Structure formats: structure tokens, C-alpha cells
Amino acid sequence: MVKELILTVVVRKEQGRYSSWCPELDVASQGDTIEEARQNLQEAVELHVEAMMENGDAEELMEKLGLTQNDLKRDILVSESFSGTFGVPLAI
């Protein structure tokens, strides 16, 4: 059964491009746009997780994410910390 893992993405503009980072797994990528940086990071994270699973490092992965065996019963897995975005009105 395939589970969905929810991870954090941090995107930052640097020198006209965008860098992206997944703090839970310490995986980074980049792109010319915010969306490209996010998509490139998602691909890098998927490859990283796939490699860990193939190498028999599932327990290490779960430890990094702060997940327990009990968490695996859920369809959507969220690590110990999770962040997202929200908009704040700015009257200027």
C-alpha cells in the first residue's frame, strides 16, 4: 500500500534564482521559478526516499521524520514538524 508523506519545503530567492530545501531530510535543489524549485526538490526528495528504502534504511528514515510504527497505519504521514504558508493583509 502506498502512503503519502507530507514534508516541508522552504523556497528562497537567491541571486535571481530560487533555492529549495526539505529540512526534515536535509535535501536541497533549485530552479529558475518558485514552482520549478519546488518541483525539482520534490523529485530529489522522492529519489532520496526511494534510495533509502532500497538500501534497507526505512528505520533511519522514520527516525529522521520522527515517525513510529503506529504512524504507518495512517494513509497520510506527517513528520513531527510541519509548516505551510498563510497570507497576511498588508495595507500600504
Protein backbone atom coordinates (compact mmCIF):
# COMPACT_ATOMS: atom_id res chain seq x y z
CA MET A 1 0.00 0.00 0.00
CA VAL A 2 1.35 3.44 -0.94
CA LYS A 3 1.33 6.10 1.77
CA GLU A 4 1.54 9.84 1.27
CA LEU A 5 4.34 11.57 3.18
CA ILE A 6 3.86 15.28 3.89
CA LEU A 7 7.15 17.17 4.16
CA THR A 8 8.20 20.80 4.44
CA VAL A 9 9.54 22.81 1.52
CA VAL A 10 11.40 26.07 2.08
CA VAL A 11 11.94 28.19 -1.04
CA ARG A 12 14.20 31.21 -1.02
CA LYS A 13 15.19 33.67 -3.72
CA GLU A 14 18.94 33.82 -4.18
CA GLN A 15 20.78 35.77 -6.89
CA GLY A 16 17.82 35.78 -9.29
CA ARG A 17 17.07 32.05 -8.89
CA TYR A 18 15.25 30.06 -6.24
CA SER A 19 16.73 27.51 -3.88
CA SER A 20 14.52 24.92 -2.20
CA TRP A 21 15.14 22.78 0.87
CA CYS A 22 13.41 19.98 2.75
CA PRO A 23 14.58 20.39 6.37
CA GLU A 24 13.29 17.01 7.56
CA LEU A 25 15.62 15.15 5.19
CA ASP A 26 18.18 17.92 4.55
CA VAL A 27 17.72 17.63 0.77
CA ALA A 28 18.07 20.72 -1.42
CA SER A 29 17.52 21.75 -5.02
CA GLN A 30 16.97 24.88 -7.11
CA GLY A 31 15.12 26.33 -10.09
CA ASP A 32 14.51 29.46 -12.14
CA THR A 33 11.00 29.91 -10.67
CA ILE A 34 9.41 29.10 -7.31
CA GLU A 35 7.40 26.29 -8.87
CA GLU A 36 10.42 24.82 -10.67
CA ALA A 37 12.45 24.89 -7.45
CA ARG A 38 9.60 23.15 -5.61
CA GLN A 39 9.17 20.52 -8.32
CA ASN A 40 12.92 19.87 -8.51
CA LEU A 41 13.01 19.45 -4.73
CA GLN A 42 10.08 17.04 -4.81
CA GLU A 43 11.91 14.92 -7.39
CA ALA A 44 15.13 15.00 -5.34
CA VAL A 45 13.26 14.01 -2.16
CA GLU A 46 11.42 11.18 -3.93
CA LEU A 47 14.75 9.82 -5.22
CA HIS A 48 16.31 10.19 -1.77
CA VAL A 49 13.45 8.34 -0.05
CA GLU A 50 13.43 5.64 -2.75
CA ALA A 51 17.18 5.10 -2.34
CA MET A 52 16.84 4.86 1.45
CA MET A 53 14.07 2.27 1.12
CA GLU A 54 16.04 0.24 -1.45
CA ASN A 55 19.10 0.29 0.84
CA GLY A 56 17.08 -1.04 3.77
CA ASP A 57 17.20 2.26 5.66
CA ALA A 58 13.45 2.51 6.39
CA GLU A 59 14.04 2.69 10.16
CA GLU A 60 16.57 5.51 9.72
CA LEU A 61 14.09 7.37 7.50
CA MET A 62 11.33 7.00 10.08
CA GLU A 63 13.68 8.20 12.83
CA LYS A 64 14.64 11.29 10.79
CA LEU A 65 10.96 12.09 10.36
CA GLY A 66 10.00 11.36 13.96
CA LEU A 67 7.54 8.66 12.85
CA THR A 68 6.67 5.47 14.72
CA GLN A 69 5.40 2.09 13.53
CA ASN A 70 1.98 3.17 14.79
CA ASP A 71 2.06 6.16 12.39
CA LEU A 72 2.33 3.74 9.46
CA LYS A 73 -1.30 2.73 9.99
CA ARG A 74 -2.40 6.09 8.57
CA ASP A 75 -2.67 6.82 4.85
CA ILE A 76 -1.06 10.27 5.19
CA LEU A 77 2.14 10.59 7.22
CA VAL A 78 3.14 13.95 8.67
CA SER A 79 6.52 14.36 10.34
CA GLU A 80 6.98 15.82 13.83
CA SER A 81 7.12 19.35 12.49
CA PHE A 82 5.23 20.68 9.52
CA SER A 83 4.98 24.16 8.14
CA GLY A 84 2.98 25.78 5.43
CA THR A 85 2.10 29.26 4.28
CA PHE A 86 -0.56 31.80 5.08
CA GLY A 87 -1.37 35.23 3.76
CA VAL A 88 -1.38 38.37 5.88
CA PRO A 89 -3.14 41.53 4.65
CA LEU A 90 -0.73 44.40 4.20
CA ALA A 91 -2.21 47.87 3.85
CA ILE A 92 0.37 50.12 2.22
